[in-house]
PDB file of N, CA and C in Angstrom:
ATOM      1  N   MET A   1     -34.889  11.551  -8.125  1.00  0.00           N
ATOM      2  CA  MET A   1     -33.685  11.762  -7.340  1.00  0.00           C
ATOM      3  C   MET A   1     -34.091  12.386  -6.015  1.00  0.00           C
ATOM      4  N   SER A   2     -33.488  11.886  -4.968  1.00  0.00           N
ATOM      5  CA  SER A   2     -33.710  12.496  -3.665  1.00  0.00           C
ATOM      6  C   SER A   2     -32.370  13.000  -3.130  1.00  0.00           C
ATOM      7  N   TYR A   3     -32.441  14.002  -2.271  1.00  0.00           N
ATOM      8  CA  TYR A   3     -31.209  14.482  -1.663  1.00  0.00           C
ATOM      9  C   TYR A   3     -31.508  15.006  -0.271  1.00  0.00           C
ATOM     10  N   SER A   4     -30.464  15.082   0.532  1.00  0.00           N
ATOM     11  CA  SER A   4     -30.592  15.647   1.866  1.00  0.00           C
ATOM     12  C   SER A   4     -29.309  16.377   2.206  1.00  0.00           C
ATOM     13  N   LEU A   5     -29.423  17.294   3.135  1.00  0.00           N
ATOM     14  CA  LEU A   5     -28.278  18.063   3.622  1.00  0.00           C
ATOM     15  C   LEU A   5     -28.081  17.683   5.077  1.00  0.00           C
ATOM     16  N   THR A   6     -26.891  17.241   5.422  1.00  0.00           N
ATOM     17  CA  THR A   6     -26.620  16.850   6.802  1.00  0.00           C
ATOM     18  C   THR A   6     -26.117  18.046   7.588  1.00  0.00           C
ATOM     19  N   ALA A   7     -26.117  17.906   8.879  1.00  0.00           N
ATOM     20  CA  ALA A   7     -25.537  18.911   9.770  1.00  0.00           C
ATOM     21  C   ALA A   7     -24.763  18.150  10.840  1.00  0.00           C
ATOM     22  N   GLY A   8     -23.508  18.440  10.990  1.00  0.00           N
ATOM     23  CA  GLY A   8     -22.701  17.747  11.977  1.00  0.00           C
ATOM     24  C   GLY A   8     -22.343  16.343  11.541  1.00  0.00           C
ATOM     25  N   THR A   9     -22.115  15.468  12.512  1.00  0.00           N
ATOM     26  CA  THR A   9     -21.667  14.103  12.214  1.00  0.00           C
ATOM     27  C   THR A   9     -22.667  13.067  12.712  1.00  0.00           C
ATOM     28  N   LEU A  10     -23.924  13.423  12.796  1.00  0.00           N
ATOM     29  CA  LEU A  10     -24.898  12.502  13.356  1.00  0.00           C
ATOM     30  C   LEU A  10     -25.055  11.226  12.546  1.00  0.00           C
ATOM     31  N   ASN A  11     -24.954  11.308  11.220  1.00  0.00           N
ATOM     32  CA  ASN A  11     -25.249  10.155  10.392  1.00  0.00           C
ATOM     33  C   ASN A  11     -24.069   9.619   9.598  1.00  0.00           C
ATOM     34  N   TYR A  12     -22.905  10.144   9.788  1.00  0.00           N
ATOM     35  CA  TYR A  12     -21.791   9.689   8.966  1.00  0.00           C
ATOM     36  C   TYR A  12     -20.456   9.933   9.644  1.00  0.00           C
ATOM     37  N   GLU A  13     -19.470   9.203   9.183  1.00  0.00           N
ATOM     38  CA  GLU A  13     -18.071   9.463   9.519  1.00  0.00           C
ATOM     39  C   GLU A  13     -17.292   9.259   8.231  1.00  0.00           C
ATOM     40  N   ILE A  14     -16.642  10.296   7.756  1.00  0.00           N
ATOM     41  CA  ILE A  14     -15.887  10.201   6.509  1.00  0.00           C
ATOM     42  C   ILE A  14     -14.613   9.405   6.791  1.00  0.00           C
ATOM     43  N   PRO A  15     -14.457   8.250   6.151  1.00  0.00           N
ATOM     44  CA  PRO A  15     -13.282   7.413   6.417  1.00  0.00           C
ATOM     45  C   PRO A  15     -12.014   7.985   5.776  1.00  0.00           C
ATOM     46  N   PHE A  16     -10.946   7.963   6.544  1.00  0.00           N
ATOM     47  CA  PHE A  16      -9.627   8.390   6.091  1.00  0.00           C
ATOM     48  C   PHE A  16      -8.648   7.253   6.315  1.00  0.00           C
ATOM     49  N   PRO A  17      -7.535   7.242   5.565  1.00  0.00           N
ATOM     50  CA  PRO A  17      -6.497   6.229   5.821  1.00  0.00           C
ATOM     51  C   PRO A  17      -5.944   6.394   7.236  1.00  0.00           C
ATOM     52  N   GLN A  18      -5.681   5.286   7.888  1.00  0.00           N
ATOM     53  CA  GLN A  18      -5.083   5.329   9.221  1.00  0.00           C
ATOM     54  C   GLN A  18      -3.724   5.990   9.135  1.00  0.00           C
ATOM     55  N   PRO A  19      -3.312   6.786  10.032  1.00  0.00           N
ATOM     56  CA  PRO A  19      -3.923   7.068  11.320  1.00  0.00           C
ATOM     57  C   PRO A  19      -4.685   8.394  11.341  1.00  0.00           C
ATOM     58  N   PHE A  20      -5.197   8.863  10.224  1.00  0.00           N
ATOM     59  CA  PHE A  20      -5.809  10.185  10.155  1.00  0.00           C
ATOM     60  C   PHE A  20      -7.330  10.138  10.278  1.00  0.00           C
ATOM     61  N   ILE A  21      -7.881  11.235  10.817  1.00  0.00           N
ATOM     62  CA  ILE A  21      -9.325  11.422  10.899  1.00  0.00           C
ATOM     63  C   ILE A  21      -9.631  12.901  10.687  1.00  0.00           C
ATOM     64  N   LEU A  22     -10.877  13.186  10.378  1.00  0.00           N
ATOM     65  CA  LEU A  22     -11.345  14.570  10.395  1.00  0.00           C
ATOM     66  C   LEU A  22     -11.731  14.883  11.828  1.00  0.00           C
ATOM     67  N   LYS A  23     -11.285  16.015  12.349  1.00  0.00           N
ATOM     68  CA  LYS A  23     -11.552  16.292  13.757  1.00  0.00           C
ATOM     69  C   LYS A  23     -12.956  16.814  14.011  1.00  0.00           C
ATOM     70  N   ARG A  24     -13.697  17.167  12.951  1.00  0.00           N
ATOM     71  CA  ARG A  24     -15.084  17.578  13.133  1.00  0.00           C
ATOM     72  C   ARG A  24     -15.867  17.255  11.873  1.00  0.00           C
ATOM     73  N   GLY A  25     -17.162  17.283  11.990  1.00  0.00           N
ATOM     74  CA  GLY A  25     -18.019  16.993  10.846  1.00  0.00           C
ATOM     75  C   GLY A  25     -18.298  18.236  10.016  1.00  0.00           C
ATOM     76  N   PHE A  26     -18.673  18.013   8.801  1.00  0.00           N
ATOM     77  CA  PHE A  26     -19.025  19.087   7.881  1.00  0.00           C
ATOM     78  C   PHE A  26     -20.343  18.738   7.204  1.00  0.00           C
ATOM     79  N   PRO A  27     -21.168  19.728   6.934  1.00  0.00           N
ATOM     80  CA  PRO A  27     -22.409  19.436   6.216  1.00  0.00           C
ATOM     81  C   PRO A  27     -22.110  18.802   4.860  1.00  0.00           C
ATOM     82  N   LEU A  28     -22.915  17.816   4.527  1.00  0.00           N
ATOM     83  CA  LEU A  28     -22.782  17.123   3.249  1.00  0.00           C
ATOM     84  C   LEU A  28     -24.098  17.210   2.489  1.00  0.00           C
ATOM     85  N   ILE A  29     -24.009  17.236   1.185  1.00  0.00           N
ATOM     86  CA  ILE A  29     -25.188  17.117   0.342  1.00  0.00           C
ATOM     87  C   ILE A  29     -25.169  15.699  -0.196  1.00  0.00           C
ATOM     88  N   ILE A  30     -26.194  14.945   0.151  1.00  0.00           N
ATOM     89  CA  ILE A  30     -26.255  13.528  -0.208  1.00  0.00           C
ATOM     90  C   ILE A  30     -27.363  13.335  -1.224  1.00  0.00           C
ATOM     91  N   LYS A  31     -26.990  12.804  -2.382  1.00  0.00           N
ATOM     92  CA  LYS A  31     -27.961  12.595  -3.456  1.00  0.00           C
ATOM     93  C   LYS A  31     -27.970  11.119  -3.843  1.00  0.00           C
ATOM     94  N   GLU A  32     -29.165  10.578  -3.984  1.00  0.00           N
ATOM     95  CA  GLU A  32     -29.320   9.194  -4.424  1.00  0.00           C
ATOM     96  C   GLU A  32     -30.162   9.193  -5.697  1.00  0.00           C
ATOM     97  N   ASN A  33     -29.711   8.420  -6.684  1.00  0.00           N
ATOM     98  CA  ASN A  33     -30.516   8.226  -7.888  1.00  0.00           C
ATOM     99  C   ASN A  33     -30.427   6.766  -8.304  1.00  0.00           C
ATOM    100  N   ASP A  34     -30.942   6.450  -9.456  1.00  0.00           N
ATOM    101  CA  ASP A  34     -30.960   5.051  -9.905  1.00  0.00           C
ATOM    102  C   ASP A  34     -29.569   4.466 -10.106  1.00  0.00           C
ATOM    103  N   ASP A  35     -28.566   5.318 -10.368  1.00  0.00           N
ATOM    104  CA  ASP A  35     -27.203   4.848 -10.648  1.00  0.00           C
ATOM    105  C   ASP A  35     -26.333   4.723  -9.412  1.00  0.00           C
ATOM    106  N   GLY A  36     -26.717   5.338  -8.310  1.00  0.00           N
ATOM    107  CA  GLY A  36     -25.898   5.272  -7.115  1.00  0.00           C
ATOM    108  C   GLY A  36     -26.033   6.511  -6.257  1.00  0.00           C
ATOM    109  N   TRP A  37     -24.976   6.802  -5.538  1.00  0.00           N
ATOM    110  CA  TRP A  37     -24.956   7.893  -4.561  1.00  0.00           C
ATOM    111  C   TRP A  37     -23.875   8.906  -4.919  1.00  0.00           C
ATOM    112  N   LEU A  38     -24.180  10.177  -4.691  1.00  0.00           N
ATOM    113  CA  LEU A  38     -23.225  11.271  -4.834  1.00  0.00           C
ATOM    114  C   LEU A  38     -23.244  12.028  -3.513  1.00  0.00           C
ATOM    115  N   ILE A  39     -22.085  12.156  -2.894  1.00  0.00           N
ATOM    116  CA  ILE A  39     -21.985  12.878  -1.627  1.00  0.00           C
ATOM    117  C   ILE A  39     -21.023  14.036  -1.830  1.00  0.00           C
ATOM    118  N   GLU A  40     -21.544  15.246  -1.647  1.00  0.00           N
ATOM    119  CA  GLU A  40     -20.745  16.454  -1.830  1.00  0.00           C
ATOM    120  C   GLU A  40     -20.407  17.069  -0.473  1.00  0.00           C
ATOM    121  N   CYS A  41     -19.193  17.586  -0.372  1.00  0.00           N
ATOM    122  CA  CYS A  41     -18.754  18.312   0.825  1.00  0.00           C
ATOM    123  C   CYS A  41     -18.422  19.740   0.390  1.00  0.00           C
ATOM    124  N   PRO A  42     -19.413  20.640   0.449  1.00  0.00           N
ATOM    125  CA  PRO A  42     -19.198  22.008  -0.024  1.00  0.00           C
ATOM    126  C   PRO A  42     -18.048  22.749   0.678  1.00  0.00           C
ATOM    127  N   ALA A  43     -17.786  22.409   1.925  1.00  0.00           N
ATOM    128  CA  ALA A  43     -16.715  23.096   2.666  1.00  0.00           C
ATOM    129  C   ALA A  43     -15.370  22.969   1.968  1.00  0.00           C
ATOM    130  N   PHE A  44     -15.149  21.837   1.275  1.00  0.00           N
ATOM    131  CA  PHE A  44     -13.883  21.592   0.606  1.00  0.00           C
ATOM    132  C   PHE A  44     -14.025  21.485  -0.908  1.00  0.00           C
ATOM    133  N   ASP A  45     -15.230  21.674  -1.394  1.00  0.00           N
ATOM    134  CA  ASP A  45     -15.511  21.564  -2.827  1.00  0.00           C
ATOM    135  C   ASP A  45     -15.042  20.218  -3.371  1.00  0.00           C
ATOM    136  N   GLU A  46     -15.354  19.158  -2.654  1.00  0.00           N
ATOM    137  CA  GLU A  46     -15.001  17.787  -3.038  1.00  0.00           C
ATOM    138  C   GLU A  46     -16.255  16.925  -3.007  1.00  0.00           C
ATOM    139  N   TYR A  47     -16.197  15.806  -3.706  1.00  0.00           N
ATOM    140  CA  TYR A  47     -17.337  14.895  -3.722  1.00  0.00           C
ATOM    141  C   TYR A  47     -16.862  13.459  -3.838  1.00  0.00           C
ATOM    142  N   GLY A  48     -17.769  12.543  -3.541  1.00  0.00           N
ATOM    143  CA  GLY A  48     -17.520  11.117  -3.703  1.00  0.00           C
ATOM    144  C   GLY A  48     -18.702  10.474  -4.385  1.00  0.00           C
ATOM    145  N   TYR A  49     -18.439   9.435  -5.160  1.00  0.00           N
ATOM    146  CA  TYR A  49     -19.495   8.727  -5.871  1.00  0.00           C
ATOM    147  C   TYR A  49     -19.340   7.224  -5.654  1.00  0.00           C
ATOM    148  N   GLY A  50     -20.476   6.522  -5.585  1.00  0.00           N
ATOM    149  CA  GLY A  50     -20.433   5.071  -5.468  1.00  0.00           C
ATOM    150  C   GLY A  50     -21.791   4.454  -5.703  1.00  0.00           C
ATOM    151  N   LYS A  51     -21.781   3.170  -5.980  1.00  0.00           N
ATOM    152  CA  LYS A  51     -23.040   2.433  -6.168  1.00  0.00           C
ATOM    153  C   LYS A  51     -23.826   2.354  -4.859  1.00  0.00           C
ATOM    154  N   THR A  52     -23.105   2.359  -3.735  1.00  0.00           N
ATOM    155  CA  THR A  52     -23.753   2.347  -2.423  1.00  0.00           C
ATOM    156  C   THR A  52     -23.367   3.616  -1.668  1.00  0.00           C
ATOM    157  N   TYR A  53     -24.120   3.904  -0.620  1.00  0.00           N
ATOM    158  CA  TYR A  53     -23.823   5.062   0.227  1.00  0.00           C
ATOM    159  C   TYR A  53     -22.406   4.958   0.796  1.00  0.00           C
ATOM    160  N   GLN A  54     -22.046   3.776   1.300  1.00  0.00           N
ATOM    161  CA  GLN A  54     -20.724   3.597   1.905  1.00  0.00           C
ATOM    162  C   GLN A  54     -19.603   3.770   0.883  1.00  0.00           C
ATOM    163  N   GLN A  55     -19.791   3.269  -0.334  1.00  0.00           N
ATOM    164  CA  GLN A  55     -18.778   3.463  -1.379  1.00  0.00           C
ATOM    165  C   GLN A  55     -18.600   4.949  -1.687  1.00  0.00           C
ATOM    166  N   ALA A  56     -19.697   5.687  -1.738  1.00  0.00           N
ATOM    167  CA  ALA A  56     -19.612   7.125  -2.005  1.00  0.00           C
ATOM    168  C   ALA A  56     -18.909   7.846  -0.861  1.00  0.00           C
ATOM    169  N   LEU A  57     -19.200   7.456   0.377  1.00  0.00           N
ATOM    170  CA  LEU A  57     -18.544   8.067   1.532  1.00  0.00           C
ATOM    171  C   LEU A  57     -17.052   7.748   1.533  1.00  0.00           C
ATOM    172  N   ASN A  58     -16.687   6.503   1.205  1.00  0.00           N
ATOM    173  CA  ASN A  58     -15.269   6.122   1.103  1.00  0.00           C
ATOM    174  C   ASN A  58     -14.570   6.928   0.015  1.00  0.00           C
ATOM    175  N   ASP A  59     -15.238   7.102  -1.128  1.00  0.00           N
ATOM    176  CA  ASP A  59     -14.667   7.865  -2.238  1.00  0.00           C
ATOM    177  C   ASP A  59     -14.458   9.324  -1.837  1.00  0.00           C
ATOM    178  N   LEU A  60     -15.391   9.893  -1.082  1.00  0.00           N
ATOM    179  CA  LEU A  60     -15.234  11.263  -0.586  1.00  0.00           C
ATOM    180  C   LEU A  60     -14.016  11.353   0.329  1.00  0.00           C
ATOM    181  N   GLY A  61     -13.866  10.395   1.231  1.00  0.00           N
ATOM    182  CA  GLY A  61     -12.701  10.388   2.121  1.00  0.00           C
ATOM    183  C   GLY A  61     -11.397  10.323   1.345  1.00  0.00           C
ATOM    184  N   THR A  62     -11.360   9.482   0.318  1.00  0.00           N
ATOM    185  CA  THR A  62     -10.176   9.375  -0.533  1.00  0.00           C
ATOM    186  C   THR A  62      -9.910  10.682  -1.257  1.00  0.00           C
ATOM    187  N   SER A  63     -10.949  11.307  -1.784  1.00  0.00           N
ATOM    188  CA  SER A  63     -10.794  12.586  -2.504  1.00  0.00           C
ATOM    189  C   SER A  63     -10.243  13.675  -1.595  1.00  0.00           C
ATOM    190  N   LEU A  64     -10.803  13.784  -0.395  1.00  0.00           N
ATOM    191  CA  LEU A  64     -10.330  14.799   0.548  1.00  0.00           C
ATOM    192  C   LEU A  64      -8.881  14.550   0.948  1.00  0.00           C
ATOM    193  N   PHE A  65      -8.558  13.302   1.280  1.00  0.00           N
ATOM    194  CA  PHE A  65      -7.201  12.967   1.711  1.00  0.00           C
ATOM    195  C   PHE A  65      -6.199  13.191   0.584  1.00  0.00           C
ATOM    196  N   ASP A  66      -6.533  12.745  -0.625  1.00  0.00           N
ATOM    197  CA  ASP A  66      -5.636  12.918  -1.771  1.00  0.00           C
ATOM    198  C   ASP A  66      -5.414  14.394  -2.095  1.00  0.00           C
ATOM    199  N   SER A  67      -6.450  15.188  -1.984  1.00  0.00           N
ATOM    200  CA  SER A  67      -6.322  16.628  -2.232  1.00  0.00           C
ATOM    201  C   SER A  67      -5.359  17.248  -1.225  1.00  0.00           C
ATOM    202  N   TRP A  68      -5.533  16.919   0.039  1.00  0.00           N
ATOM    203  CA  TRP A  68      -4.672  17.435   1.106  1.00  0.00           C
ATOM    204  C   TRP A  68      -3.214  17.047   0.865  1.00  0.00           C
ATOM    205  N   LYS A  69      -2.968  15.773   0.551  1.00  0.00           N
ATOM    206  CA  LYS A  69      -1.598  15.311   0.324  1.00  0.00           C
ATOM    207  C   LYS A  69      -0.987  15.942  -0.932  1.00  0.00           C
ATOM    208  N   SER A  70      -1.771  16.088  -1.982  1.00  0.00           N
ATOM    209  CA  SER A  70      -1.263  16.676  -3.230  1.00  0.00           C
ATOM    210  C   SER A  70      -0.848  18.135  -3.035  1.00  0.00           C
ATOM    211  N   ILE A  71      -1.696  18.883  -2.349  1.00  0.00           N
ATOM    212  CA  ILE A  71      -1.358  20.292  -2.108  1.00  0.00           C
ATOM    213  C   ILE A  71      -0.146  20.390  -1.189  1.00  0.00           C
ATOM    214  N   ALA A  72      -0.056  19.503  -0.195  1.00  0.00           N
ATOM    215  CA  ALA A  72       1.100  19.507   0.719  1.00  0.00           C
ATOM    216  C   ALA A  72       2.394  19.264  -0.053  1.00  0.00           C
ATOM    217  N   ARG A  73       2.355  18.346  -1.028  1.00  0.00           N
ATOM    218  CA  ARG A  73       3.561  18.089  -1.841  1.00  0.00           C
ATOM    219  C   ARG A  73       3.944  19.327  -2.653  1.00  0.00           C
ATOM    220  N   LEU A  74       2.964  20.023  -3.195  1.00  0.00           N
ATOM    221  CA  LEU A  74       3.258  21.254  -3.946  1.00  0.00           C
ATOM    222  C   LEU A  74       3.898  22.302  -3.040  1.00  0.00           C
ATOM    223  N   ILE A  75       3.397  22.417  -1.829  1.00  0.00           N
ATOM    224  CA  ILE A  75       3.955  23.379  -0.874  1.00  0.00           C
ATOM    225  C   ILE A  75       5.390  22.998  -0.516  1.00  0.00           C
ATOM    226  N   GLN A  76       5.642  21.708  -0.286  1.00  0.00           N
ATOM    227  CA  GLN A  76       6.993  21.253   0.040  1.00  0.00           C
ATOM    228  C   GLN A  76       7.966  21.548  -1.094  1.00  0.00           C
ATOM    229  N   ARG A  77       7.466  21.470  -2.338  1.00  0.00           N
ATOM    230  CA  ARG A  77       8.317  21.752  -3.493  1.00  0.00           C
ATOM    231  C   ARG A  77       8.370  23.250  -3.809  1.00  0.00           C
ATOM    232  N   LYS A  78       7.780  24.047  -2.901  1.00  0.00           N
ATOM    233  CA  LYS A  78       7.801  25.511  -2.995  1.00  0.00           C
ATOM    234  C   LYS A  78       7.164  26.037  -4.286  1.00  0.00           C
ATOM    235  N   LYS A  79       6.094  25.354  -4.710  1.00  0.00           N
ATOM    236  CA  LYS A  79       5.350  25.800  -5.881  1.00  0.00           C
ATOM    237  C   LYS A  79       4.440  26.953  -5.488  1.00  0.00           C
ATOM    238  N   LYS A  80       4.288  27.904  -6.394  1.00  0.00           N
ATOM    239  CA  LYS A  80       3.391  29.032  -6.138  1.00  0.00           C
ATOM    240  C   LYS A  80       1.947  28.550  -6.329  1.00  0.00           C
ATOM    241  N   LEU A  81       1.117  28.804  -5.315  1.00  0.00           N
ATOM    242  CA  LEU A  81      -0.264  28.371  -5.347  1.00  0.00           C
ATOM    243  C   LEU A  81      -1.204  29.569  -5.335  1.00  0.00           C
ATOM    244  N   GLY A  82      -2.357  29.402  -5.954  1.00  0.00           N
ATOM    245  CA  GLY A  82      -3.371  30.443  -5.927  1.00  0.00           C
ATOM    246  C   GLY A  82      -4.011  30.554  -4.554  1.00  0.00           C
ATOM    247  N   ASP A  83      -4.654  31.680  -4.312  1.00  0.00           N
ATOM    248  CA  ASP A  83      -5.269  31.930  -3.006  1.00  0.00           C
ATOM    249  C   ASP A  83      -6.293  30.863  -2.631  1.00  0.00           C
ATOM    250  N   GLU A  84      -7.104  30.415  -3.591  1.00  0.00           N
ATOM    251  CA  GLU A  84      -8.146  29.426  -3.296  1.00  0.00           C
ATOM    252  C   GLU A  84      -7.534  28.081  -2.899  1.00  0.00           C
ATOM    253  N   LEU A  85      -6.472  27.675  -3.557  1.00  0.00           N
ATOM    254  CA  LEU A  85      -5.808  26.415  -3.222  1.00  0.00           C
ATOM    255  C   LEU A  85      -5.155  26.498  -1.841  1.00  0.00           C
ATOM    256  N   VAL A  86      -4.566  27.637  -1.539  1.00  0.00           N
ATOM    257  CA  VAL A  86      -3.968  27.838  -0.213  1.00  0.00           C
ATOM    258  C   VAL A  86      -5.061  27.796   0.851  1.00  0.00           C
ATOM    259  N   ARG A  87      -6.190  28.451   0.593  1.00  0.00           N
ATOM    260  CA  ARG A  87      -7.306  28.447   1.541  1.00  0.00           C
ATOM    261  C   ARG A  87      -7.800  27.029   1.772  1.00  0.00           C
ATOM    262  N   GLN A  88      -7.965  26.252   0.688  1.00  0.00           N
ATOM    263  CA  GLN A  88      -8.449  24.879   0.805  1.00  0.00           C
ATOM    264  C   GLN A  88      -7.462  24.028   1.603  1.00  0.00           C
ATOM    265  N   PHE A  89      -6.175  24.167   1.313  1.00  0.00           N
ATOM    266  CA  PHE A  89      -5.172  23.396   2.045  1.00  0.00           C
ATOM    267  C   PHE A  89      -5.206  23.744   3.530  1.00  0.00           C
ATOM    268  N   ASN A  90      -5.212  25.033   3.850  1.00  0.00           N
ATOM    269  CA  ASN A  90      -5.210  25.444   5.252  1.00  0.00           C
ATOM    270  C   ASN A  90      -6.418  24.900   6.000  1.00  0.00           C
ATOM    271  N   TYR A  91      -7.571  24.933   5.350  1.00  0.00           N
ATOM    272  CA  TYR A  91      -8.798  24.425   5.977  1.00  0.00           C
ATOM    273  C   TYR A  91      -8.704  22.918   6.186  1.00  0.00           C
ATOM    274  N   LEU A  92      -8.220  22.200   5.169  1.00  0.00           N
ATOM    275  CA  LEU A  92      -8.025  20.760   5.325  1.00  0.00           C
ATOM    276  C   LEU A  92      -6.999  20.466   6.407  1.00  0.00           C
ATOM    277  N   ASP A  93      -5.890  21.186   6.378  1.00  0.00           N
ATOM    278  CA  ASP A  93      -4.794  20.948   7.320  1.00  0.00           C
ATOM    279  C   ASP A  93      -5.237  21.193   8.773  1.00  0.00           C
ATOM    280  N   GLU A  94      -6.128  22.148   8.975  1.00  0.00           N
ATOM    281  CA  GLU A  94      -6.645  22.429  10.318  1.00  0.00           C
ATOM    282  C   GLU A  94      -7.553  21.310  10.824  1.00  0.00           C
ATOM    283  N   ASN A  95      -8.144  20.562   9.908  1.00  0.00           N
ATOM    284  CA  ASN A  95      -9.164  19.603  10.289  1.00  0.00           C
ATOM    285  C   ASN A  95      -8.787  18.141  10.114  1.00  0.00           C
ATOM    286  N   ILE A  96      -7.636  17.844   9.522  1.00  0.00           N
ATOM    287  CA  ILE A  96      -7.173  16.468   9.412  1.00  0.00           C
ATOM    288  C   ILE A  96      -6.092  16.266  10.465  1.00  0.00           C
ATOM    289  N   ILE A  97      -6.321  15.303  11.340  1.00  0.00           N
ATOM    290  CA  ILE A  97      -5.382  15.071  12.447  1.00  0.00           C
ATOM    291  C   ILE A  97      -5.096  13.570  12.584  1.00  0.00           C
ATOM    292  N   PRO A  98      -3.948  13.240  13.177  1.00  0.00           N
ATOM    293  CA  PRO A  98      -3.701  11.821  13.487  1.00  0.00           C
ATOM    294  C   PRO A  98      -4.684  11.375  14.564  1.00  0.00           C
ATOM    295  N   ASP A  99      -5.159  10.151  14.457  1.00  0.00           N
ATOM    296  CA  ASP A  99      -6.118   9.597  15.406  1.00  0.00           C
ATOM    297  C   ASP A  99      -5.428   9.223  16.695  1.00  0.00           C
TER     298      ASP A  99
END
């Protein structure tokens, strides 16, 4: 197994559903093994998996976007959230913007 840690957005762009994008890059831990790719985003405690690098990156984008939308729905329904979930939502909300 090999892995690398990225810095910034030099080698990747995490895909999001239109019209949203991440306004800045985040370090990723990228692992490749015989079964495929695992890309972790420690800043949001999310990951993506796929047979190819691009599939794993797409899965990470879906995971981040779905997490943001799910927490937003809980907030709209005035559900009580733990401090860590609120922190994660605020961080995502600060960094996901319309393109």
